[in-house]
């Protein structure tokens, strides 16, 4: 199922998305009682998706990113695939939702898009064995791991380059029933295709990544793991509209604005 987080009339709730653009009247949200990180019931109260504002599908305690997990992407930036996964953090303040503006960082002149499959954690976990990885995942969503490339190359740490405000768009919702092994990932800028790849090209699988991360730290419900980006990354400018589309999930669209 598709689980969205949304606001309407100042209230925030979760709902199950039913239908699609081809459905008469368009898709609707069936508001759920409680939250999706435990057993929940549908209320039966339905609202047209067009009447609400979609929010980031989760508010993570932390976002753990994985760098250079697609060989062609590593090569295009002059890097080799690392012997072990390269992990980094994006703070919770970096997260925005569908349609929210991306504020071009004032300290950079080279902002890049990076389309990625995001894993949403469903329960608190640590030292997860490979055979139990699926048990700790709630579902999957689209992500854009925005990166100040010039800052990343200039500074030894990636904290500012990847952790600035609005650098982590997520959405439009969480898909809970999905096999992530071989999904198409596409990024467009102003309608022009810039990235096209498949999750099957990942150097290390989602199981590998969750095992590696939880050896070191506890993941909490709502935490997000970014799984890397295919080749084709490139610059964004103020006024650009960037969209990440992942097969079986949907499309996440954001527009770049000048930071005020």
C-alpha atoms as a PDB file:
ATOM      1  CA  UNK A   1       0.000   0.000   0.000  1.00  0.00           C
ATOM      2  CA  UNK A   2       0.954   3.636  -0.391  1.00  0.00           C
ATOM      3  CA  UNK A   3       1.085   5.616   2.861  1.00  0.00           C
ATOM      4  CA  UNK A   4       1.202   9.400   2.679  1.00  0.00           C
ATOM      5  CA  UNK A   5       1.641  12.069   5.330  1.00  0.00           C
ATOM      6  CA  UNK A   6      -0.377  15.197   4.654  1.00  0.00           C
ATOM      7  CA  UNK A   7      -1.884  18.374   6.065  1.00  0.00           C
ATOM      8  CA  UNK A   8      -5.375  19.782   5.657  1.00  0.00           C
ATOM      9  CA  UNK A   9      -6.905  22.733   7.509  1.00  0.00           C
ATOM     10  CA  UNK A  10      -3.855  22.895   9.760  1.00  0.00           C
ATOM     11  CA  UNK A  11      -4.073  19.251  10.806  1.00  0.00           C
ATOM     12  CA  UNK A  12      -1.440  16.615  10.004  1.00  0.00           C
ATOM     13  CA  UNK A  13      -2.283  12.950   9.498  1.00  0.00           C
ATOM     14  CA  UNK A  14      -1.315   9.766   7.666  1.00  0.00           C
ATOM     15  CA  UNK A  15      -3.507   8.175   5.043  1.00  0.00           C
ATOM     16  CA  UNK A  16      -3.568   5.274   2.621  1.00  0.00           C
ATOM     17  CA  UNK A  17      -3.576   6.417  -1.014  1.00  0.00           C
ATOM     18  CA  UNK A  18      -6.264   4.698  -3.043  1.00  0.00           C
ATOM     19  CA  UNK A  19      -6.577   4.899  -6.814  1.00  0.00           C
ATOM     20  CA  UNK A  20      -4.493   6.872  -9.282  1.00  0.00           C
ATOM     21  CA  UNK A  21      -4.828   9.492 -11.998  1.00  0.00           C
ATOM     22  CA  UNK A  22      -6.938   7.109 -14.089  1.00  0.00           C
ATOM     23  CA  UNK A  23      -9.459   6.603 -11.272  1.00  0.00           C
ATOM     24  CA  UNK A  24     -12.728   8.480 -11.619  1.00  0.00           C
ATOM     25  CA  UNK A  25     -12.435  11.541  -9.390  1.00  0.00           C
ATOM     26  CA  UNK A  26      -8.710  10.944  -8.945  1.00  0.00           C
ATOM     27  CA  UNK A  27      -6.880   9.300  -6.030  1.00  0.00           C
ATOM     28  CA  UNK A  28      -8.157   9.668  -2.466  1.00  0.00           C
ATOM     29  CA  UNK A  29      -6.651   9.355   0.999  1.00  0.00           C
ATOM     30  CA  UNK A  30      -8.242   7.042   3.552  1.00  0.00           C
ATOM     31  CA  UNK A  31      -7.147   8.588   6.860  1.00  0.00           C
ATOM     32  CA  UNK A  32      -5.621   6.063   9.239  1.00  0.00           C
ATOM     33  CA  UNK A  33      -6.020   5.952  12.990  1.00  0.00           C
ATOM     34  CA  UNK A  34      -2.628   6.437  14.599  1.00  0.00           C
ATOM     35  CA  UNK A  35       0.609   6.121  12.669  1.00  0.00           C
ATOM     36  CA  UNK A  36       2.077   3.554  10.262  1.00  0.00           C
ATOM     37  CA  UNK A  37       4.817   2.332  12.609  1.00  0.00           C
ATOM     38  CA  UNK A  38       2.415   0.035  14.443  1.00  0.00           C
ATOM     39  CA  UNK A  39      -0.764  -1.808  13.553  1.00  0.00           C
ATOM     40  CA  UNK A  40      -3.381   0.681  12.419  1.00  0.00           C
ATOM     41  CA  UNK A  41      -6.935   0.859  11.157  1.00  0.00           C
ATOM     42  CA  UNK A  42      -8.333   2.806   8.248  1.00  0.00           C
ATOM     43  CA  UNK A  43     -10.928   5.294   9.413  1.00  0.00           C
ATOM     44  CA  UNK A  44     -13.023   5.121   6.266  1.00  0.00           C
ATOM     45  CA  UNK A  45     -12.904   8.920   6.130  1.00  0.00           C
ATOM     46  CA  UNK A  46     -11.690   9.692   2.625  1.00  0.00           C
ATOM     47  CA  UNK A  47     -10.333  12.938   1.209  1.00  0.00           C
ATOM     48  CA  UNK A  48      -9.415  13.676  -2.415  1.00  0.00           C
ATOM     49  CA  UNK A  49      -5.638  13.793  -2.752  1.00  0.00           C
ATOM     50  CA  UNK A  50      -6.028  17.058  -4.671  1.00  0.00           C
ATOM     51  CA  UNK A  51      -7.469  18.740  -1.544  1.00  0.00           C
ATOM     52  CA  UNK A  52      -4.460  18.158   0.717  1.00  0.00           C
ATOM     53  CA  UNK A  53      -0.839  19.216   0.901  1.00  0.00           C
ATOM     54  CA  UNK A  54       1.535  16.280   0.832  1.00  0.00           C
ATOM     55  CA  UNK A  55       4.294  16.477   3.450  1.00  0.00           C
ATOM     56  CA  UNK A  56       7.528  14.509   3.736  1.00  0.00           C
ATOM     57  CA  UNK A  57       6.232  10.959   4.289  1.00  0.00           C
ATOM     58  CA  UNK A  58       8.275  10.723   7.503  1.00  0.00           C
ATOM     59  CA  UNK A  59      10.139  13.052   9.853  1.00  0.00           C
ATOM     60  CA  UNK A  60      13.308  11.015  10.386  1.00  0.00           C
ATOM     61  CA  UNK A  61      15.484  11.226  13.451  1.00  0.00           C
ATOM     62  CA  UNK A  62      18.353  10.766  10.998  1.00  0.00           C
ATOM     63  CA  UNK A  63      18.989  10.183   7.335  1.00  0.00           C
ATOM     64  CA  UNK A  64      21.919   7.860   6.602  1.00  0.00           C
ATOM     65  CA  UNK A  65      23.281   8.261   3.102  1.00  0.00           C
ATOM     66  CA  UNK A  66      25.508   5.853   1.202  1.00  0.00           C
ATOM     67  CA  UNK A  67      27.997   7.263  -1.274  1.00  0.00           C
ATOM     68  CA  UNK A  68      29.390   5.708  -4.466  1.00  0.00           C
ATOM     69  CA  UNK A  69      27.069   2.710  -4.504  1.00  0.00           C
ATOM     70  CA  UNK A  70      26.748   2.743  -8.310  1.00  0.00           C
ATOM     71  CA  UNK A  71      30.015   2.046 -10.130  1.00  0.00           C
ATOM     72  CA  UNK A  72      29.299   4.355 -13.091  1.00  0.00           C
ATOM     73  CA  UNK A  73      28.453   7.250 -10.781  1.00  0.00           C
ATOM     74  CA  UNK A  74      31.684   6.758  -8.833  1.00  0.00           C
ATOM     75  CA  UNK A  75      33.610   6.744 -12.114  1.00  0.00           C
ATOM     76  CA  UNK A  76      31.953   9.878 -13.513  1.00  0.00           C
ATOM     77  CA  UNK A  77      33.307  11.854 -10.536  1.00  0.00           C
ATOM     78  CA  UNK A  78      36.756  10.282 -10.783  1.00  0.00           C
ATOM     79  CA  UNK A  79      36.343   7.925  -7.829  1.00  0.00           C
ATOM     80  CA  UNK A  80      36.712   4.199  -7.342  1.00  0.00           C
ATOM     81  CA  UNK A  81      34.074   2.037  -5.697  1.00  0.00           C
ATOM     82  CA  UNK A  82      35.094   1.924  -2.006  1.00  0.00           C
ATOM     83  CA  UNK A  83      35.998  -1.357  -0.348  1.00  0.00           C
ATOM     84  CA  UNK A  84      33.350  -0.728   2.307  1.00  0.00           C
ATOM     85  CA  UNK A  85      30.219   1.439   2.073  1.00  0.00           C
ATOM     86  CA  UNK A  86      30.818   5.154   2.592  1.00  0.00           C
ATOM     87  CA  UNK A  87      28.164   6.442   4.999  1.00  0.00           C
ATOM     88  CA  UNK A  88      27.229  10.041   5.789  1.00  0.00           C
ATOM     89  CA  UNK A  89      24.400  11.861   7.571  1.00  0.00           C
ATOM     90  CA  UNK A  90      21.806  14.382   6.545  1.00  0.00           C
ATOM     91  CA  UNK A  91      20.128  16.134   9.487  1.00  0.00           C
ATOM     92  CA  UNK A  92      16.380  16.154  10.009  1.00  0.00           C
ATOM     93  CA  UNK A  93      16.382  19.855   9.054  1.00  0.00           C
ATOM     94  CA  UNK A  94      17.434  18.919   5.519  1.00  0.00           C
ATOM     95  CA  UNK A  95      14.170  17.061   4.835  1.00  0.00           C
ATOM     96  CA  UNK A  96      11.432  18.595   2.682  1.00  0.00           C
ATOM     97  CA  UNK A  97       8.429  17.112   0.926  1.00  0.00           C
ATOM     98  CA  UNK A  98       6.826  17.022  -2.525  1.00  0.00           C
ATOM     99  CA  UNK A  99       6.431  20.462  -4.044  1.00  0.00           C
ATOM    100  CA  UNK A 100       8.517  22.162  -1.363  1.00  0.00           C
ATOM    101  CA  UNK A 101      11.157  24.582  -2.674  1.00  0.00           C
ATOM    102  CA  UNK A 102      14.846  23.720  -2.737  1.00  0.00           C
ATOM    103  CA  UNK A 103      16.789  26.738  -1.487  1.00  0.00           C
ATOM    104  CA  UNK A 104      20.036  27.072  -3.450  1.00  0.00           C
ATOM    105  CA  UNK A 105      22.792  27.177  -0.794  1.00  0.00           C
ATOM    106  CA  UNK A 106      24.466  30.573  -0.618  1.00  0.00           C
ATOM    107  CA  UNK A 107      27.900  29.024  -0.001  1.00  0.00           C
ATOM    108  CA  UNK A 108      27.914  26.978  -3.222  1.00  0.00           C
ATOM    109  CA  UNK A 109      27.939  27.626  -6.957  1.00  0.00           C
ATOM    110  CA  UNK A 110      27.516  23.987  -8.052  1.00  0.00           C
ATOM    111  CA  UNK A 111      24.347  22.342  -6.769  1.00  0.00           C
ATOM    112  CA  UNK A 112      23.806  18.812  -8.110  1.00  0.00           C
ATOM    113  CA  UNK A 113      20.766  16.519  -8.161  1.00  0.00           C
ATOM    114  CA  UNK A 114      21.082  12.832  -7.177  1.00  0.00           C
ATOM    115  CA  UNK A 115      18.018  10.607  -7.671  1.00  0.00           C
ATOM    116  CA  UNK A 116      17.890   7.787  -5.124  1.00  0.00           C
ATOM    117  CA  UNK A 117      15.744   5.011  -3.720  1.00  0.00           C
ATOM    118  CA  UNK A 118      15.125   5.681  -0.019  1.00  0.00           C
ATOM    119  CA  UNK A 119      14.467   2.962   2.539  1.00  0.00           C
ATOM    120  CA  UNK A 120      12.111   3.873   5.404  1.00  0.00           C
ATOM    121  CA  UNK A 121      12.762   1.998   8.646  1.00  0.00           C
ATOM    122  CA  UNK A 122       9.678   0.647  10.395  1.00  0.00           C
ATOM    123  CA  UNK A 123      10.968  -0.439  13.798  1.00  0.00           C
ATOM    124  CA  UNK A 124      13.851   0.215  16.160  1.00  0.00           C
ATOM    125  CA  UNK A 125      16.736  -2.056  15.249  1.00  0.00           C
ATOM    126  CA  UNK A 126      20.446  -2.643  15.648  1.00  0.00           C
ATOM    127  CA  UNK A 127      22.840  -5.406  14.604  1.00  0.00           C
ATOM    128  CA  UNK A 128      20.251  -6.657  12.140  1.00  0.00           C
ATOM    129  CA  UNK A 129      21.111 -10.053  10.622  1.00  0.00           C
ATOM    130  CA  UNK A 130      20.764 -10.272   6.862  1.00  0.00           C
ATOM    131  CA  UNK A 131      17.804 -12.655   7.017  1.00  0.00           C
ATOM    132  CA  UNK A 132      15.808 -10.153   9.113  1.00  0.00           C
ATOM    133  CA  UNK A 133      16.428  -6.977   7.126  1.00  0.00           C
ATOM    134  CA  UNK A 134      13.012  -7.106   5.454  1.00  0.00           C
ATOM    135  CA  UNK A 135      11.381  -7.259   8.897  1.00  0.00           C
ATOM    136  CA  UNK A 136      12.701  -3.807   9.884  1.00  0.00           C
ATOM    137  CA  UNK A 137      11.694  -1.999   6.669  1.00  0.00           C
ATOM    138  CA  UNK A 138       8.359  -0.201   6.457  1.00  0.00           C
ATOM    139  CA  UNK A 139       8.711   0.635   2.776  1.00  0.00           C
ATOM    140  CA  UNK A 140      10.366   2.769   0.128  1.00  0.00           C
ATOM    141  CA  UNK A 141      10.121   6.293  -1.242  1.00  0.00           C
ATOM    142  CA  UNK A 142      11.850   8.640  -3.682  1.00  0.00           C
ATOM    143  CA  UNK A 143      14.707  10.863  -2.579  1.00  0.00           C
ATOM    144  CA  UNK A 144      16.911  13.574  -4.039  1.00  0.00           C
ATOM    145  CA  UNK A 145      20.309  13.638  -2.329  1.00  0.00           C
ATOM    146  CA  UNK A 146      21.089  17.246  -3.257  1.00  0.00           C
ATOM    147  CA  UNK A 147      24.796  17.971  -3.051  1.00  0.00           C
ATOM    148  CA  UNK A 148      26.879  21.139  -3.133  1.00  0.00           C
ATOM    149  CA  UNK A 149      29.476  19.463  -5.339  1.00  0.00           C
ATOM    150  CA  UNK A 150      32.111  22.195  -5.135  1.00  0.00           C
ATOM    151  CA  UNK A 151      31.894  22.171  -1.344  1.00  0.00           C
ATOM    152  CA  UNK A 152      32.041  18.375  -1.242  1.00  0.00           C
ATOM    153  CA  UNK A 153      35.230  18.414  -3.295  1.00  0.00           C
ATOM    154  CA  UNK A 154      36.761  21.238  -1.283  1.00  0.00           C
ATOM    155  CA  UNK A 155      35.989  20.037   2.243  1.00  0.00           C
ATOM    156  CA  UNK A 156      37.099  16.705   3.681  1.00  0.00           C
ATOM    157  CA  UNK A 157      33.768  16.153   5.460  1.00  0.00           C
ATOM    158  CA  UNK A 158      30.475  16.068   3.563  1.00  0.00           C
ATOM    159  CA  UNK A 159      28.373  17.584   6.350  1.00  0.00           C
ATOM    160  CA  UNK A 160      27.818  20.997   4.770  1.00  0.00           C
ATOM    161  CA  UNK A 161      27.833  19.757   1.190  1.00  0.00           C
ATOM    162  CA  UNK A 162      25.014  17.272   1.773  1.00  0.00           C
ATOM    163  CA  UNK A 163      23.382  18.478   4.991  1.00  0.00           C
ATOM    164  CA  UNK A 164      22.248  22.003   4.210  1.00  0.00           C
ATOM    165  CA  UNK A 165      18.618  23.002   4.684  1.00  0.00           C
ATOM    166  CA  UNK A 166      16.282  21.589   1.962  1.00  0.00           C
ATOM    167  CA  UNK A 167      18.958  19.147   0.716  1.00  0.00           C
ATOM    168  CA  UNK A 168      16.820  16.030   1.224  1.00  0.00           C
ATOM    169  CA  UNK A 169      13.482  16.019  -0.612  1.00  0.00           C
ATOM    170  CA  UNK A 170      11.471  12.861   0.157  1.00  0.00           C
ATOM    171  CA  UNK A 171       8.147  11.604  -1.207  1.00  0.00           C
ATOM    172  CA  UNK A 172       5.558  11.536  -2.472  1.00  0.00           C
ATOM    173  CA  UNK A 173       4.605   8.629  -0.177  1.00  0.00           C
ATOM    174  CA  UNK A 174       5.861   5.315   1.196  1.00  0.00           C
ATOM    175  CA  UNK A 175       5.237   2.188  -0.862  1.00  0.00           C
ATOM    176  CA  UNK A 176       5.110  -0.784   1.512  1.00  0.00           C
ATOM    177  CA  UNK A 177       4.613  -3.617  -0.982  1.00  0.00           C
ATOM    178  CA  UNK A 178       7.548  -3.446  -3.337  1.00  0.00           C
ATOM    179  CA  UNK A 179      10.516  -5.574  -4.370  1.00  0.00           C
ATOM    180  CA  UNK A 180      13.393  -3.066  -4.559  1.00  0.00           C
ATOM    181  CA  UNK A 181      15.846  -5.379  -6.318  1.00  0.00           C
ATOM    182  CA  UNK A 182      15.419  -4.055  -9.873  1.00  0.00           C
ATOM    183  CA  UNK A 183      13.517  -0.766 -10.099  1.00  0.00           C
ATOM    184  CA  UNK A 184      13.946   1.945 -12.696  1.00  0.00           C
ATOM    185  CA  UNK A 185      15.203   5.313 -11.389  1.00  0.00           C
ATOM    186  CA  UNK A 186      14.934   8.477 -13.464  1.00  0.00           C
ATOM    187  CA  UNK A 187      15.706  12.132 -12.852  1.00  0.00           C
ATOM    188  CA  UNK A 188      14.473  14.939 -15.090  1.00  0.00           C
ATOM    189  CA  UNK A 189      15.249  18.649 -15.001  1.00  0.00           C
ATOM    190  CA  UNK A 190      12.622  20.870 -16.612  1.00  0.00           C
ATOM    191  CA  UNK A 191      11.221  17.742 -18.249  1.00  0.00           C
ATOM    192  CA  UNK A 192      14.561  16.663 -19.765  1.00  0.00           C
ATOM    193  CA  UNK A 193      15.934  13.280 -18.729  1.00  0.00           C
ATOM    194  CA  UNK A 194      19.248  13.518 -16.898  1.00  0.00           C
ATOM    195  CA  UNK A 195      19.565  10.198 -15.036  1.00  0.00           C
ATOM    196  CA  UNK A 196      18.293   6.745 -15.922  1.00  0.00           C
ATOM    197  CA  UNK A 197      19.339   3.626 -14.046  1.00  0.00           C
ATOM    198  CA  UNK A 198      18.132   0.590 -12.156  1.00  0.00           C
ATOM    199  CA  UNK A 199      18.530  -0.474  -8.553  1.00  0.00           C
ATOM    200  CA  UNK A 200      19.982  -3.756  -9.822  1.00  0.00           C
ATOM    201  CA  UNK A 201      23.113  -1.719 -10.614  1.00  0.00           C
ATOM    202  CA  UNK A 202      23.800  -1.020  -6.937  1.00  0.00           C
ATOM    203  CA  UNK A 203      27.196  -2.315  -5.843  1.00  0.00           C
ATOM    204  CA  UNK A 204      25.841  -3.311  -2.458  1.00  0.00           C
ATOM    205  CA  UNK A 205      22.289  -4.443  -1.831  1.00  0.00           C
ATOM    206  CA  UNK A 206      19.856  -2.970   0.647  1.00  0.00           C
ATOM    207  CA  UNK A 207      20.515  -5.979   2.882  1.00  0.00           C
ATOM    208  CA  UNK A 208      24.251  -5.216   2.795  1.00  0.00           C
ATOM    209  CA  UNK A 209      23.639  -1.584   3.690  1.00  0.00           C
ATOM    210  CA  UNK A 210      21.268  -2.195   6.604  1.00  0.00           C
ATOM    211  CA  UNK A 211      23.574  -4.833   8.090  1.00  0.00           C
ATOM    212  CA  UNK A 212      26.560  -2.468   7.735  1.00  0.00           C
ATOM    213  CA  UNK A 213      24.811   0.564   9.236  1.00  0.00           C
ATOM    214  CA  UNK A 214      23.234  -1.261  12.183  1.00  0.00           C
ATOM    215  CA  UNK A 215      26.562  -2.770  13.188  1.00  0.00           C
ATOM    216  CA  UNK A 216      27.392   0.750  14.369  1.00  0.00           C
ATOM    217  CA  UNK A 217      24.127   2.465  15.285  1.00  0.00           C
ATOM    218  CA  UNK A 218      20.506   1.986  16.205  1.00  0.00           C
ATOM    219  CA  UNK A 219      17.954   2.897  13.547  1.00  0.00           C
ATOM    220  CA  UNK A 220      14.624   4.247  14.761  1.00  0.00           C
ATOM    221  CA  UNK A 221      11.140   4.083  13.219  1.00  0.00           C
ATOM    222  CA  UNK A 222      10.997   6.691  10.473  1.00  0.00           C
ATOM    223  CA  UNK A 223      14.738   6.829   9.905  1.00  0.00           C
ATOM    224  CA  UNK A 224      15.733   6.860   6.246  1.00  0.00           C
ATOM    225  CA  UNK A 225      18.578   5.170   4.382  1.00  0.00           C
ATOM    226  CA  UNK A 226      19.599   6.602   1.001  1.00  0.00           C
ATOM    227  CA  UNK A 227      20.989   3.871  -1.243  1.00  0.00           C
ATOM    228  CA  UNK A 228      23.127   5.809  -3.733  1.00  0.00           C
ATOM    229  CA  UNK A 229      22.572   7.376  -7.140  1.00  0.00           C
ATOM    230  CA  UNK A 230      23.062   6.178 -10.724  1.00  0.00           C
ATOM    231  CA  UNK A 231      25.338   7.969 -13.177  1.00  0.00           C
ATOM    232  CA  UNK A 232      24.273  11.223 -14.788  1.00  0.00           C
ATOM    233  CA  UNK A 233      24.436  13.694 -11.908  1.00  0.00           C
ATOM    234  CA  UNK A 234      24.739  17.329 -12.862  1.00  0.00           C
ATOM    235  CA  UNK A 235      24.020  20.947 -11.959  1.00  0.00           C
ATOM    236  CA  UNK A 236      20.809  22.712 -11.046  1.00  0.00           C
ATOM    237  CA  UNK A 237      20.037  26.405 -11.383  1.00  0.00           C
ATOM    238  CA  UNK A 238      17.553  28.714  -9.685  1.00  0.00           C
ATOM    239  CA  UNK A 239      14.208  28.254 -11.420  1.00  0.00           C
ATOM    240  CA  UNK A 240      14.795  24.616 -12.405  1.00  0.00           C
ATOM    241  CA  UNK A 241      12.184  21.979 -11.666  1.00  0.00           C
ATOM    242  CA  UNK A 242      13.738  18.642 -10.755  1.00  0.00           C
ATOM    243  CA  UNK A 243      11.764  15.393 -10.612  1.00  0.00           C
ATOM    244  CA  UNK A 244      12.754  11.945  -9.318  1.00  0.00           C
ATOM    245  CA  UNK A 245      10.661   9.028 -10.584  1.00  0.00           C
ATOM    246  CA  UNK A 246      11.040   5.478  -9.276  1.00  0.00           C
ATOM    247  CA  UNK A 247       9.215   2.536 -10.779  1.00  0.00           C
ATOM    248  CA  UNK A 248       6.447   1.263  -8.520  1.00  0.00           C
ATOM    249  CA  UNK A 249       6.508   4.334  -6.269  1.00  0.00           C
ATOM    250  CA  UNK A 250       5.825   7.573  -8.127  1.00  0.00           C
ATOM    251  CA  UNK A 251       7.356  10.979  -8.758  1.00  0.00           C
ATOM    252  CA  UNK A 252       8.876  13.529  -6.385  1.00  0.00           C
ATOM    253  CA  UNK A 253       9.016  17.052  -7.830  1.00  0.00           C
ATOM    254  CA  UNK A 254      10.654  20.188  -6.399  1.00  0.00           C
ATOM    255  CA  UNK A 255      11.645  23.598  -7.737  1.00  0.00           C
ATOM    256  CA  UNK A 256      14.919  25.409  -7.030  1.00  0.00           C
ATOM    257  CA  UNK A 257      14.630  28.921  -5.629  1.00  0.00           C
ATOM    258  CA  UNK A 258      17.125  31.542  -4.524  1.00  0.00           C
ATOM    259  CA  UNK A 259      17.855  31.285  -0.838  1.00  0.00           C
ATOM    260  CA  UNK A 260      16.280  34.227   0.935  1.00  0.00           C
END
